[in-house]
Amino acid sequence: MTAKRSWVAHSPVAAVVLPVIGLIGAIALWWLAVIAFSIPEYLLPTPKDVTLTFFEQPAYLLEQLWVSFLETVEGFLLSIVVGVPIALLIVRSVLLERLVYPLLLMLNSIPKIAVAPLLVIWFGFGQGPKVLMVLLVCFFPVVISTAQGMKSTPAELVELMRSLNASRTQEFFKLRLRFALPQIFTGLKVAISLAVIGSVIAEFVGATEGLGYVITQSGASADTSLAFAGITLLSLMSIVLFYGLVWLEHLLVPWAEENR
């Protein structure tokens, strides 16, 4: 019976159906709460109001979604390009690790909302400050997960590779990277969720487009239906990006799923 339940929970059909059921349940509770407590529409719109608002101006909202999507993906990819080499340097040198780790912790502890106005002053009102904000938010989990993943390689396997006269390149790609990939993907999945938050924070300050800008403007005019439409689109974008990484992990690291 236990094995049957485990198969049902991990079947491909359950992987699709269960999240949909959870989403429908959350929407139903939201709708019931609005009706049961007689909450005014300007405070908390119903799912129907949010849906109607989206269909009133779909082109505009999808255009702003595309802006936020580009900022999120560009900043996330930049954090990988910058963070992974730094993590590799940290792993290779104990001196660098002791030198850089406190700086990384200090950088991560800075409230990002406090940095957003400075980025606008330094880099203007274009897309650059938004991408840099996403980079700042994603950088720490990417570096830490990559560094810890590289350190997780069993020492006896490293010695075995070296006894077979394997080059450093072969040791890296055939052994260390293989053991590090599951932890790297764990960090990337954390980072992609934070990337969406970073793009919205950046759009709250000095932006003229993007879903964060839409939410700010609709909040100022008490158009909560439009604000919730923007929040819903951001949530859907975050879900798509997260599960895109999950799919990529299954594709590139199938042995990690087998180990679980």
Protein backbone atom coordinates (compact mmCIF):
# COMPACT_ATOMS: atom_id res chain seq x y z
CA MET A 1 0.00 0.00 0.00
CA THR A 2 2.85 2.36 0.87
CA ALA A 3 4.61 1.59 -2.41
CA LYS A 4 1.38 2.29 -4.31
CA ARG A 5 0.94 5.65 -2.59
CA SER A 6 4.58 6.53 -3.34
CA TRP A 7 4.07 5.66 -7.04
CA VAL A 8 0.93 7.80 -7.22
CA ALA A 9 2.67 10.76 -5.57
CA HIS A 10 5.67 10.56 -7.92
CA SER A 11 3.88 9.68 -11.17
CA PRO A 12 4.04 12.18 -14.08
CA VAL A 13 0.26 12.66 -13.93
CA ALA A 14 0.41 13.54 -10.22
CA ALA A 15 3.24 16.00 -10.90
CA VAL A 16 0.82 17.98 -13.08
CA VAL A 17 -2.54 17.33 -11.43
CA LEU A 18 -1.58 17.93 -7.79
CA PRO A 19 -0.18 21.47 -8.32
CA VAL A 20 -3.29 22.35 -10.36
CA ILE A 21 -5.54 21.09 -7.56
CA GLY A 22 -3.55 23.13 -5.04
CA LEU A 23 -3.85 26.26 -7.21
CA ILE A 24 -7.61 25.79 -7.66
CA GLY A 25 -7.98 25.30 -3.90
CA ALA A 26 -6.04 28.50 -3.15
CA ILE A 27 -8.19 30.49 -5.62
CA ALA A 28 -11.38 29.03 -4.10
CA LEU A 29 -10.28 30.01 -0.57
CA TRP A 30 -9.42 33.52 -1.80
CA TRP A 31 -12.87 33.88 -3.39
CA LEU A 32 -14.67 32.50 -0.32
CA ALA A 33 -12.74 34.84 2.00
CA VAL A 34 -13.82 37.89 -0.04
CA ILE A 35 -17.45 36.77 0.02
CA ALA A 36 -17.55 35.54 3.64
CA PHE A 37 -15.98 38.69 5.11
CA SER A 38 -17.66 41.09 2.62
CA ILE A 39 -14.31 42.64 1.72
CA PRO A 40 -14.72 45.66 -0.61
CA GLU A 41 -13.32 45.29 -4.14
CA TYR A 42 -10.93 48.22 -3.69
CA LEU A 43 -9.28 46.36 -0.80
CA LEU A 44 -9.25 42.81 -2.16
CA PRO A 45 -10.73 41.99 -5.57
CA THR A 46 -12.13 38.57 -6.38
CA PRO A 47 -10.38 36.26 -8.86
CA LYS A 48 -13.15 37.14 -11.33
CA ASP A 49 -12.34 40.87 -11.05
CA VAL A 50 -8.64 40.18 -11.62
CA THR A 51 -9.39 38.01 -14.67
CA LEU A 52 -11.68 40.67 -16.17
CA THR A 53 -9.02 43.32 -15.61
CA PHE A 54 -6.46 41.22 -17.46
CA PHE A 55 -8.78 40.71 -20.45
CA GLU A 56 -9.52 44.43 -20.56
CA GLN A 57 -5.87 45.22 -21.36
CA PRO A 58 -4.00 41.99 -22.17
CA ALA A 59 -1.58 43.56 -24.65
CA TYR A 60 -0.38 46.14 -22.13
CA LEU A 61 0.05 43.62 -19.29
CA LEU A 62 1.84 41.08 -21.49
CA GLU A 63 4.17 43.82 -22.74
CA GLN A 64 5.08 44.71 -19.15
CA LEU A 65 5.46 41.02 -18.34
CA TRP A 66 7.98 40.69 -21.18
CA VAL A 67 9.99 43.62 -19.78
CA SER A 68 10.14 42.03 -16.31
CA PHE A 69 10.93 38.63 -17.83
CA LEU A 70 13.92 39.98 -19.76
CA GLU A 71 15.29 41.78 -16.70
CA THR A 72 14.88 38.65 -14.58
CA VAL A 73 16.50 36.25 -17.04
CA GLU A 74 19.36 38.59 -17.97
CA GLY A 75 20.23 39.28 -14.33
CA PHE A 76 19.97 35.58 -13.45
CA LEU A 77 22.25 34.51 -16.31
CA LEU A 78 24.71 37.27 -15.41
CA SER A 79 24.82 36.00 -11.82
CA ILE A 80 25.83 32.57 -13.17
CA VAL A 81 28.50 34.05 -15.44
CA VAL A 82 29.96 36.08 -12.56
CA GLY A 83 29.22 33.80 -9.60
CA VAL A 84 30.41 30.41 -10.84
CA PRO A 85 34.01 31.52 -11.67
CA ILE A 86 34.26 33.25 -8.30
CA ALA A 87 33.05 30.07 -6.58
CA LEU A 88 35.68 28.03 -8.45
CA LEU A 89 38.41 30.44 -7.34
CA ILE A 90 37.22 30.19 -3.75
CA VAL A 91 37.35 26.39 -3.87
CA ARG A 92 40.87 26.38 -5.33
CA SER A 93 42.35 28.70 -2.71
CA VAL A 94 41.82 28.69 1.07
CA LEU A 95 43.35 32.17 1.20
CA LEU A 96 40.82 33.52 -1.28
CA GLU A 97 38.00 31.79 0.57
CA ARG A 98 38.91 33.48 3.85
CA LEU A 99 39.38 36.79 2.05
CA VAL A 100 36.19 36.78 -0.04
CA TYR A 101 33.60 35.01 2.14
CA PRO A 102 33.20 37.89 4.65
CA LEU A 103 32.77 40.31 1.73
CA LEU A 104 30.08 38.06 0.20
CA LEU A 105 28.25 37.87 3.54
CA MET A 106 28.42 41.64 3.88
CA LEU A 107 27.11 42.14 0.35
CA ASN A 108 24.26 39.70 0.95
CA SER A 109 23.26 41.36 4.22
CA ILE A 110 22.67 44.76 2.60
CA PRO A 111 18.91 45.42 2.15
CA LYS A 112 18.47 45.46 -1.62
CA ILE A 113 15.65 48.00 -1.50
CA ALA A 114 18.17 50.46 -0.05
CA VAL A 115 20.51 49.93 -3.00
CA ALA A 116 17.86 50.40 -5.71
CA PRO A 117 17.84 54.24 -5.63
CA LEU A 118 21.65 54.29 -5.79
CA LEU A 119 21.65 52.07 -8.87
CA VAL A 120 19.31 54.52 -10.58
CA ILE A 121 21.64 57.42 -9.70
CA TRP A 122 24.72 55.54 -10.93
CA PHE A 123 23.33 53.88 -14.06
CA GLY A 124 20.25 55.88 -15.05
CA PHE A 125 16.66 54.85 -15.67
CA GLY A 126 17.18 52.15 -18.30
CA GLN A 127 17.24 48.39 -18.02
CA GLY A 128 20.78 48.28 -16.60
CA PRO A 129 19.93 49.05 -12.94
CA LYS A 130 17.17 46.42 -12.97
CA VAL A 131 19.50 43.74 -14.32
CA LEU A 132 22.16 44.68 -11.76
CA MET A 133 19.61 44.43 -8.94
CA VAL A 134 18.70 40.91 -10.05
CA LEU A 135 22.43 40.09 -10.17
CA LEU A 136 22.89 41.32 -6.59
CA VAL A 137 19.96 39.24 -5.35
CA CYS A 138 20.99 36.03 -7.16
CA PHE A 139 24.76 36.27 -6.72
CA PHE A 140 25.08 34.88 -3.17
CA PRO A 141 23.08 31.62 -3.55
CA VAL A 142 24.81 30.88 -6.87
CA VAL A 143 28.31 31.31 -5.38
CA ILE A 144 27.59 29.43 -2.16
CA SER A 145 25.85 26.46 -3.83
CA THR A 146 28.58 26.13 -6.45
CA ALA A 147 31.39 26.32 -3.88
CA GLN A 148 29.75 23.81 -1.55
CA GLY A 149 29.00 21.50 -4.45
CA MET A 150 32.62 21.51 -5.57
CA LYS A 151 33.73 20.70 -2.02
CA SER A 152 31.34 17.74 -1.81
CA THR A 153 33.46 15.57 -4.13
CA PRO A 154 34.72 12.51 -2.17
CA ALA A 155 38.46 12.83 -1.50
CA GLU A 156 39.09 9.16 -2.34
CA LEU A 157 37.68 9.66 -5.85
CA VAL A 158 39.89 12.69 -6.37
CA GLU A 159 42.93 10.63 -5.34
CA LEU A 160 41.84 7.85 -7.68
CA MET A 161 41.61 10.26 -10.62
CA ARG A 162 45.05 11.66 -9.84
CA SER A 163 46.54 8.16 -9.53
CA LEU A 164 45.30 7.54 -13.08
CA ASN A 165 47.22 10.64 -14.24
CA ALA A 166 44.02 12.54 -15.04
CA SER A 167 44.56 16.18 -15.92
CA ARG A 168 43.02 18.99 -13.88
CA THR A 169 40.54 19.56 -16.70
CA GLN A 170 39.48 15.91 -16.71
CA GLU A 171 39.23 15.93 -12.91
CA PHE A 172 37.00 19.00 -13.06
CA PHE A 173 34.59 17.97 -15.81
CA LYS A 174 34.43 14.20 -15.20
CA LEU A 175 34.37 14.22 -11.39
CA ARG A 176 34.01 17.47 -9.49
CA LEU A 177 31.38 19.05 -11.77
CA ARG A 178 29.34 15.83 -11.76
CA PHE A 179 29.19 15.76 -7.96
CA ALA A 180 28.58 19.51 -7.75
CA LEU A 181 25.68 19.76 -10.23
CA PRO A 182 22.88 18.73 -7.82
CA GLN A 183 23.89 21.40 -5.30
CA ILE A 184 24.48 23.95 -8.06
CA PHE A 185 20.94 23.40 -9.31
CA THR A 186 19.61 23.75 -5.77
CA GLY A 187 21.25 27.18 -5.59
CA LEU A 188 19.98 28.10 -9.05
CA LYS A 189 16.40 27.23 -8.10
CA VAL A 190 16.67 29.46 -5.04
CA ALA A 191 18.24 32.20 -7.15
CA ILE A 192 15.59 32.15 -9.90
CA SER A 193 12.85 32.75 -7.32
CA LEU A 194 14.84 35.62 -5.85
CA ALA A 195 15.48 36.98 -9.36
CA VAL A 196 11.80 37.77 -9.84
CA ILE A 197 11.76 39.58 -6.48
CA GLY A 198 14.88 41.53 -7.48
CA SER A 199 13.37 42.72 -10.76
CA VAL A 200 10.21 43.91 -8.97
CA ILE A 201 12.22 45.75 -6.30
CA ALA A 202 14.19 47.51 -9.04
CA GLU A 203 10.98 48.47 -10.88
CA PHE A 204 9.58 50.06 -7.75
CA VAL A 205 12.24 52.78 -7.99
CA GLY A 206 12.66 55.00 -11.02
CA ALA A 207 11.02 52.67 -13.54
CA THR A 208 8.64 53.52 -16.38
CA GLU A 209 7.78 49.97 -17.42
CA GLY A 210 7.60 46.44 -16.06
CA LEU A 211 5.09 44.72 -13.79
CA GLY A 212 6.65 46.27 -10.68
CA TYR A 213 5.92 49.69 -12.17
CA VAL A 214 2.35 48.58 -12.98
CA ILE A 215 1.81 47.45 -9.37
CA THR A 216 3.19 50.72 -7.99
CA GLN A 217 1.03 52.89 -10.25
CA SER A 218 -2.14 50.85 -9.70
CA GLY A 219 -1.56 50.94 -5.94
CA ALA A 220 -1.26 54.72 -6.04
CA SER A 221 -4.63 54.95 -7.86
CA ALA A 222 -6.27 52.25 -5.67
CA ASP A 223 -6.78 50.00 -8.70
CA THR A 224 -6.22 46.79 -6.77
CA SER A 225 -7.60 44.59 -9.55
CA LEU A 226 -4.81 45.77 -11.87
CA ALA A 227 -2.25 45.35 -9.08
CA PHE A 228 -3.40 41.76 -8.48
CA ALA A 229 -3.30 41.07 -12.21
CA GLY A 230 0.35 42.15 -12.20
CA ILE A 231 1.09 40.07 -9.09
CA THR A 232 -0.59 37.03 -10.66
CA LEU A 233 1.50 37.36 -13.83
CA LEU A 234 4.67 37.66 -11.74
CA SER A 235 3.72 34.52 -9.82
CA LEU A 236 3.09 32.60 -13.03
CA MET A 237 6.41 33.81 -14.46
CA SER A 238 8.22 32.66 -11.31
CA ILE A 239 6.56 29.22 -11.49
CA VAL A 240 7.46 28.79 -15.18
CA LEU A 241 11.09 29.80 -14.61
CA PHE A 242 11.42 27.54 -11.56
CA TYR A 243 9.99 24.48 -13.27
CA GLY A 244 12.06 25.26 -16.35
CA LEU A 245 15.13 24.81 -14.14
CA VAL A 246 13.63 21.64 -12.64
CA TRP A 247 13.20 20.24 -16.16
CA LEU A 248 16.77 21.22 -17.05
CA GLU A 249 18.02 19.52 -13.88
CA HIS A 250 16.18 16.30 -14.78
CA LEU A 251 17.74 16.51 -18.24
CA LEU A 252 21.33 17.21 -17.15
CA VAL A 253 21.46 15.52 -13.74
CA PRO A 254 19.25 12.40 -13.97
CA TRP A 255 21.34 10.56 -11.39
CA ALA A 256 20.40 13.11 -8.71
CA GLU A 257 16.73 12.13 -8.99
CA GLU A 258 17.65 8.45 -8.91
CA ASN A 259 19.64 8.99 -5.69
CA ARG A 260 16.61 10.61 -4.06
